[in-house]
């Protein structure tokens, strides 16, 4: 994989659009990151400036690292539903597929529908051989999503600072279909 400059693709699924952030995404994303219940599995709650910084990084990370994320929009309503991303922060031992969704977007299959094209892009266009999702052991929804995506629990995988999270390993899509 090269860290060449990339313009992130826009994806459309049956019900969703994966795109770069727009100003109207900020309030909803800040609400999620600031809510102690919604953000507890990703290290929150976070101050409002962290939400702004995260949305800015969705786009700028593509230019600096060749990886990044997308805002997920519901086609029918135009409403912001959440964020999916291909992350590679310095403190992560491996590239991660991550996601965080609004409370009203949970249980509708949006996360799965959004991660599938992201995963296909990561393994196809970017050329990843593997990726992981670091998941809090109490985050049943994310565990279920990772398993639905075909990810396998990898108890031998390293974590950041020996974080007691679970590590789910993703394989190329054709390997799990």
C-alpha atoms as a PDB file:
ATOM      1  CA  UNK A   1       0.000   0.000   0.000  1.00  0.00           C
ATOM      2  CA  UNK A   2       1.312   3.425  -0.816  1.00  0.00           C
ATOM      3  CA  UNK A   3       0.577   6.625   1.000  1.00  0.00           C
ATOM      4  CA  UNK A   4       0.087   8.462  -2.290  1.00  0.00           C
ATOM      5  CA  UNK A   5      -2.389  11.307  -2.338  1.00  0.00           C
ATOM      6  CA  UNK A   6      -5.880   9.987  -2.852  1.00  0.00           C
ATOM      7  CA  UNK A   7      -9.188  11.571  -3.546  1.00  0.00           C
ATOM      8  CA  UNK A   8     -11.654   9.576  -1.519  1.00  0.00           C
ATOM      9  CA  UNK A   9     -14.387   7.957  -3.561  1.00  0.00           C
ATOM     10  CA  UNK A  10     -18.057   8.593  -3.007  1.00  0.00           C
ATOM     11  CA  UNK A  11     -20.141   5.447  -2.617  1.00  0.00           C
ATOM     12  CA  UNK A  12     -23.857   4.918  -2.973  1.00  0.00           C
ATOM     13  CA  UNK A  13     -25.682   1.875  -1.731  1.00  0.00           C
ATOM     14  CA  UNK A  14     -29.366   1.119  -1.956  1.00  0.00           C
ATOM     15  CA  UNK A  15     -30.174   3.395   0.997  1.00  0.00           C
ATOM     16  CA  UNK A  16     -26.981   5.311   1.796  1.00  0.00           C
ATOM     17  CA  UNK A  17     -24.398   7.744   0.477  1.00  0.00           C
ATOM     18  CA  UNK A  18     -20.816   7.599   1.803  1.00  0.00           C
ATOM     19  CA  UNK A  19     -19.307  11.034   1.267  1.00  0.00           C
ATOM     20  CA  UNK A  20     -17.035  13.695   2.696  1.00  0.00           C
ATOM     21  CA  UNK A  21     -18.376  15.830   5.546  1.00  0.00           C
ATOM     22  CA  UNK A  22     -20.587  18.849   5.001  1.00  0.00           C
ATOM     23  CA  UNK A  23     -21.182  21.585   7.602  1.00  0.00           C
ATOM     24  CA  UNK A  24     -24.614  20.203   8.560  1.00  0.00           C
ATOM     25  CA  UNK A  25     -22.985  16.936   9.778  1.00  0.00           C
ATOM     26  CA  UNK A  26     -21.204  18.639  12.634  1.00  0.00           C
ATOM     27  CA  UNK A  27     -24.047  19.106  15.152  1.00  0.00           C
ATOM     28  CA  UNK A  28     -25.192  15.481  14.970  1.00  0.00           C
ATOM     29  CA  UNK A  29     -21.656  14.100  15.126  1.00  0.00           C
ATOM     30  CA  UNK A  30     -20.771  16.384  18.058  1.00  0.00           C
ATOM     31  CA  UNK A  31     -23.900  15.229  19.881  1.00  0.00           C
ATOM     32  CA  UNK A  32     -22.889  11.573  19.488  1.00  0.00           C
ATOM     33  CA  UNK A  33     -19.285  12.126  20.579  1.00  0.00           C
ATOM     34  CA  UNK A  34     -20.388  14.253  23.522  1.00  0.00           C
ATOM     35  CA  UNK A  35     -22.998  11.790  24.778  1.00  0.00           C
ATOM     36  CA  UNK A  36     -21.505   9.544  27.495  1.00  0.00           C
ATOM     37  CA  UNK A  37     -23.738   6.618  26.521  1.00  0.00           C
ATOM     38  CA  UNK A  38     -23.232   6.901  22.739  1.00  0.00           C
ATOM     39  CA  UNK A  39     -19.465   7.449  22.916  1.00  0.00           C
ATOM     40  CA  UNK A  40     -18.463   5.201  25.809  1.00  0.00           C
ATOM     41  CA  UNK A  41     -17.102   2.451  23.555  1.00  0.00           C
ATOM     42  CA  UNK A  42     -14.813   4.813  21.662  1.00  0.00           C
ATOM     43  CA  UNK A  43     -13.243   6.559  24.643  1.00  0.00           C
ATOM     44  CA  UNK A  44     -15.765   9.391  25.040  1.00  0.00           C
ATOM     45  CA  UNK A  45     -17.425  11.564  25.884  1.00  0.00           C
ATOM     46  CA  UNK A  46     -15.441  14.085  23.879  1.00  0.00           C
ATOM     47  CA  UNK A  47     -15.499  17.883  23.872  1.00  0.00           C
ATOM     48  CA  UNK A  48     -17.076  19.633  20.920  1.00  0.00           C
ATOM     49  CA  UNK A  49     -13.710  20.528  19.374  1.00  0.00           C
ATOM     50  CA  UNK A  50     -12.865  16.811  19.123  1.00  0.00           C
ATOM     51  CA  UNK A  51     -15.948  16.251  16.938  1.00  0.00           C
ATOM     52  CA  UNK A  52     -14.877  19.089  14.645  1.00  0.00           C
ATOM     53  CA  UNK A  53     -11.333  17.727  14.495  1.00  0.00           C
ATOM     54  CA  UNK A  54     -12.553  14.225  13.684  1.00  0.00           C
ATOM     55  CA  UNK A  55     -14.723  15.411  10.805  1.00  0.00           C
ATOM     56  CA  UNK A  56     -11.830  17.491   9.442  1.00  0.00           C
ATOM     57  CA  UNK A  57      -9.582  14.418   9.592  1.00  0.00           C
ATOM     58  CA  UNK A  58     -12.029  12.330   7.562  1.00  0.00           C
ATOM     59  CA  UNK A  59     -10.948  14.271   4.498  1.00  0.00           C
ATOM     60  CA  UNK A  60      -7.409  15.398   5.359  1.00  0.00           C
ATOM     61  CA  UNK A  61      -6.273  11.873   6.300  1.00  0.00           C
ATOM     62  CA  UNK A  62      -6.795  10.823   2.684  1.00  0.00           C
ATOM     63  CA  UNK A  63      -4.177  13.307   1.532  1.00  0.00           C
ATOM     64  CA  UNK A  64      -1.674  12.588   4.301  1.00  0.00           C
ATOM     65  CA  UNK A  65      -2.056   8.817   4.760  1.00  0.00           C
ATOM     66  CA  UNK A  66      -4.035   7.517   1.791  1.00  0.00           C
ATOM     67  CA  UNK A  67      -6.697   6.333   4.263  1.00  0.00           C
ATOM     68  CA  UNK A  68      -9.632   8.049   5.887  1.00  0.00           C
ATOM     69  CA  UNK A  69     -13.338   7.980   6.407  1.00  0.00           C
ATOM     70  CA  UNK A  70     -16.752   8.925   5.183  1.00  0.00           C
ATOM     71  CA  UNK A  71     -19.877  10.461   6.580  1.00  0.00           C
ATOM     72  CA  UNK A  72     -22.885   8.239   6.034  1.00  0.00           C
ATOM     73  CA  UNK A  73     -26.050   9.920   4.790  1.00  0.00           C
ATOM     74  CA  UNK A  74     -29.480   8.340   4.468  1.00  0.00           C
ATOM     75  CA  UNK A  75     -30.579   8.881   0.850  1.00  0.00           C
ATOM     76  CA  UNK A  76     -34.293   9.134   1.572  1.00  0.00           C
ATOM     77  CA  UNK A  77     -33.951  11.886   4.189  1.00  0.00           C
ATOM     78  CA  UNK A  78     -30.502  13.401   3.612  1.00  0.00           C
ATOM     79  CA  UNK A  79     -29.885  12.884   7.337  1.00  0.00           C
ATOM     80  CA  UNK A  80     -26.416  12.230   8.753  1.00  0.00           C
ATOM     81  CA  UNK A  81     -26.379   8.663  10.136  1.00  0.00           C
ATOM     82  CA  UNK A  82     -22.776   8.195  11.250  1.00  0.00           C
ATOM     83  CA  UNK A  83     -19.169   7.720  10.219  1.00  0.00           C
ATOM     84  CA  UNK A  84     -17.200   4.766   8.833  1.00  0.00           C
ATOM     85  CA  UNK A  85     -13.448   4.837   8.399  1.00  0.00           C
ATOM     86  CA  UNK A  86     -10.221   3.100   7.547  1.00  0.00           C
ATOM     87  CA  UNK A  87      -7.949   4.271  10.373  1.00  0.00           C
ATOM     88  CA  UNK A  88      -4.210   4.065  10.921  1.00  0.00           C
ATOM     89  CA  UNK A  89      -3.352   6.259  13.926  1.00  0.00           C
ATOM     90  CA  UNK A  90       0.204   6.005  15.230  1.00  0.00           C
ATOM     91  CA  UNK A  91      -0.935   4.314  18.446  1.00  0.00           C
ATOM     92  CA  UNK A  92      -2.822   1.514  16.618  1.00  0.00           C
ATOM     93  CA  UNK A  93      -0.752  -1.571  15.863  1.00  0.00           C
ATOM     94  CA  UNK A  94      -2.775  -2.257  12.688  1.00  0.00           C
ATOM     95  CA  UNK A  95      -5.100  -0.550  10.247  1.00  0.00           C
ATOM     96  CA  UNK A  96      -8.612  -0.497  11.637  1.00  0.00           C
ATOM     97  CA  UNK A  97     -12.088  -0.450  10.175  1.00  0.00           C
ATOM     98  CA  UNK A  98     -14.119   1.767  12.488  1.00  0.00           C
ATOM     99  CA  UNK A  99     -17.675   2.982  12.737  1.00  0.00           C
ATOM    100  CA  UNK A 100     -19.889   5.111  14.949  1.00  0.00           C
ATOM    101  CA  UNK A 101     -23.574   5.779  14.277  1.00  0.00           C
ATOM    102  CA  UNK A 102     -26.318   8.000  15.608  1.00  0.00           C
ATOM    103  CA  UNK A 103     -28.734   6.399  18.068  1.00  0.00           C
ATOM    104  CA  UNK A 104     -31.644   6.708  15.623  1.00  0.00           C
ATOM    105  CA  UNK A 105     -29.585   4.968  12.909  1.00  0.00           C
ATOM    106  CA  UNK A 106     -28.919   1.828  14.959  1.00  0.00           C
ATOM    107  CA  UNK A 107     -30.751  -1.398  14.308  1.00  0.00           C
ATOM    108  CA  UNK A 108     -31.561  -0.503  10.692  1.00  0.00           C
ATOM    109  CA  UNK A 109     -28.649  -2.262   8.991  1.00  0.00           C
ATOM    110  CA  UNK A 110     -26.998   1.024   7.993  1.00  0.00           C
ATOM    111  CA  UNK A 111     -23.629   0.204   9.564  1.00  0.00           C
ATOM    112  CA  UNK A 112     -23.342  -3.069   7.660  1.00  0.00           C
ATOM    113  CA  UNK A 113     -24.508  -1.450   4.430  1.00  0.00           C
ATOM    114  CA  UNK A 114     -21.909   1.330   4.830  1.00  0.00           C
ATOM    115  CA  UNK A 115     -18.963  -0.865   5.829  1.00  0.00           C
ATOM    116  CA  UNK A 116     -19.338  -3.283   2.896  1.00  0.00           C
ATOM    117  CA  UNK A 117     -18.275  -0.821   0.137  1.00  0.00           C
ATOM    118  CA  UNK A 118     -15.605   0.647   2.421  1.00  0.00           C
ATOM    119  CA  UNK A 119     -14.176  -2.825   3.010  1.00  0.00           C
ATOM    120  CA  UNK A 120     -14.291  -3.648  -0.710  1.00  0.00           C
ATOM    121  CA  UNK A 121     -12.436  -0.437  -1.475  1.00  0.00           C
ATOM    122  CA  UNK A 122      -9.830  -1.090   1.233  1.00  0.00           C
ATOM    123  CA  UNK A 123      -9.004  -4.586   0.010  1.00  0.00           C
ATOM    124  CA  UNK A 124      -9.386  -3.778  -3.686  1.00  0.00           C
ATOM    125  CA  UNK A 125      -8.280  -0.257  -4.542  1.00  0.00           C
ATOM    126  CA  UNK A 126      -6.011   0.381  -1.552  1.00  0.00           C
ATOM    127  CA  UNK A 127      -4.675  -3.171  -1.578  1.00  0.00           C
ATOM    128  CA  UNK A 128      -4.908  -4.036   2.106  1.00  0.00           C
ATOM    129  CA  UNK A 129      -4.200  -7.665   2.970  1.00  0.00           C
ATOM    130  CA  UNK A 130      -5.898  -7.487   6.370  1.00  0.00           C
ATOM    131  CA  UNK A 131      -7.506  -5.006   8.754  1.00  0.00           C
ATOM    132  CA  UNK A 132      -8.928  -5.207  12.240  1.00  0.00           C
ATOM    133  CA  UNK A 133     -11.660  -3.661  14.333  1.00  0.00           C
ATOM    134  CA  UNK A 134     -10.790  -2.891  17.955  1.00  0.00           C
ATOM    135  CA  UNK A 135     -14.011  -3.438  19.909  1.00  0.00           C
ATOM    136  CA  UNK A 136     -14.835  -2.972  23.569  1.00  0.00           C
ATOM    137  CA  UNK A 137     -15.896  -6.355  25.032  1.00  0.00           C
ATOM    138  CA  UNK A 138     -19.195  -4.803  26.197  1.00  0.00           C
ATOM    139  CA  UNK A 139     -20.075  -3.397  22.763  1.00  0.00           C
ATOM    140  CA  UNK A 140     -22.438  -6.166  21.648  1.00  0.00           C
ATOM    141  CA  UNK A 141     -23.683  -4.252  18.584  1.00  0.00           C
ATOM    142  CA  UNK A 142     -20.185  -3.772  17.157  1.00  0.00           C
ATOM    143  CA  UNK A 143     -19.236  -7.365  17.888  1.00  0.00           C
ATOM    144  CA  UNK A 144     -22.351  -8.523  16.046  1.00  0.00           C
ATOM    145  CA  UNK A 145     -21.547  -6.234  13.109  1.00  0.00           C
ATOM    146  CA  UNK A 146     -17.934  -7.436  12.884  1.00  0.00           C
ATOM    147  CA  UNK A 147     -19.110 -11.053  12.907  1.00  0.00           C
ATOM    148  CA  UNK A 148     -21.791 -10.321  10.292  1.00  0.00           C
ATOM    149  CA  UNK A 149     -19.022  -8.855   8.132  1.00  0.00           C
ATOM    150  CA  UNK A 150     -17.127 -12.139   8.472  1.00  0.00           C
ATOM    151  CA  UNK A 151     -14.454 -10.817  10.830  1.00  0.00           C
ATOM    152  CA  UNK A 152     -12.930 -13.394  13.161  1.00  0.00           C
ATOM    153  CA  UNK A 153     -11.875 -12.801  16.771  1.00  0.00           C
ATOM    154  CA  UNK A 154      -8.052 -12.711  16.870  1.00  0.00           C
ATOM    155  CA  UNK A 155      -6.952 -13.094  20.509  1.00  0.00           C
ATOM    156  CA  UNK A 156      -3.267 -12.995  19.484  1.00  0.00           C
ATOM    157  CA  UNK A 157      -3.481  -9.584  17.794  1.00  0.00           C
ATOM    158  CA  UNK A 158      -1.735  -6.724  19.591  1.00  0.00           C
ATOM    159  CA  UNK A 159      -3.717  -3.792  20.948  1.00  0.00           C
ATOM    160  CA  UNK A 160      -2.772  -0.210  21.653  1.00  0.00           C
ATOM    161  CA  UNK A 161      -1.142   0.073  25.095  1.00  0.00           C
ATOM    162  CA  UNK A 162      -2.437  -3.408  25.977  1.00  0.00           C
ATOM    163  CA  UNK A 163      -6.012  -2.154  25.758  1.00  0.00           C
ATOM    164  CA  UNK A 164      -8.335  -4.988  26.873  1.00  0.00           C
ATOM    165  CA  UNK A 165     -10.425  -4.627  23.712  1.00  0.00           C
ATOM    166  CA  UNK A 166     -11.330  -7.484  21.416  1.00  0.00           C
ATOM    167  CA  UNK A 167      -9.630  -7.559  18.032  1.00  0.00           C
ATOM    168  CA  UNK A 168     -11.722  -8.761  15.110  1.00  0.00           C
ATOM    169  CA  UNK A 169      -9.720  -9.521  11.962  1.00  0.00           C
ATOM    170  CA  UNK A 170     -11.269  -8.733   8.580  1.00  0.00           C
ATOM    171  CA  UNK A 171     -10.373 -10.732   5.492  1.00  0.00           C
ATOM    172  CA  UNK A 172     -10.828  -9.865   1.853  1.00  0.00           C
ATOM    173  CA  UNK A 173     -14.547  -9.866   1.018  1.00  0.00           C
ATOM    174  CA  UNK A 174     -14.313 -12.840  -1.339  1.00  0.00           C
ATOM    175  CA  UNK A 175     -12.814 -14.898   1.502  1.00  0.00           C
ATOM    176  CA  UNK A 176     -15.943 -14.483   3.636  1.00  0.00           C
ATOM    177  CA  UNK A 177     -18.734 -14.741   1.062  1.00  0.00           C
END
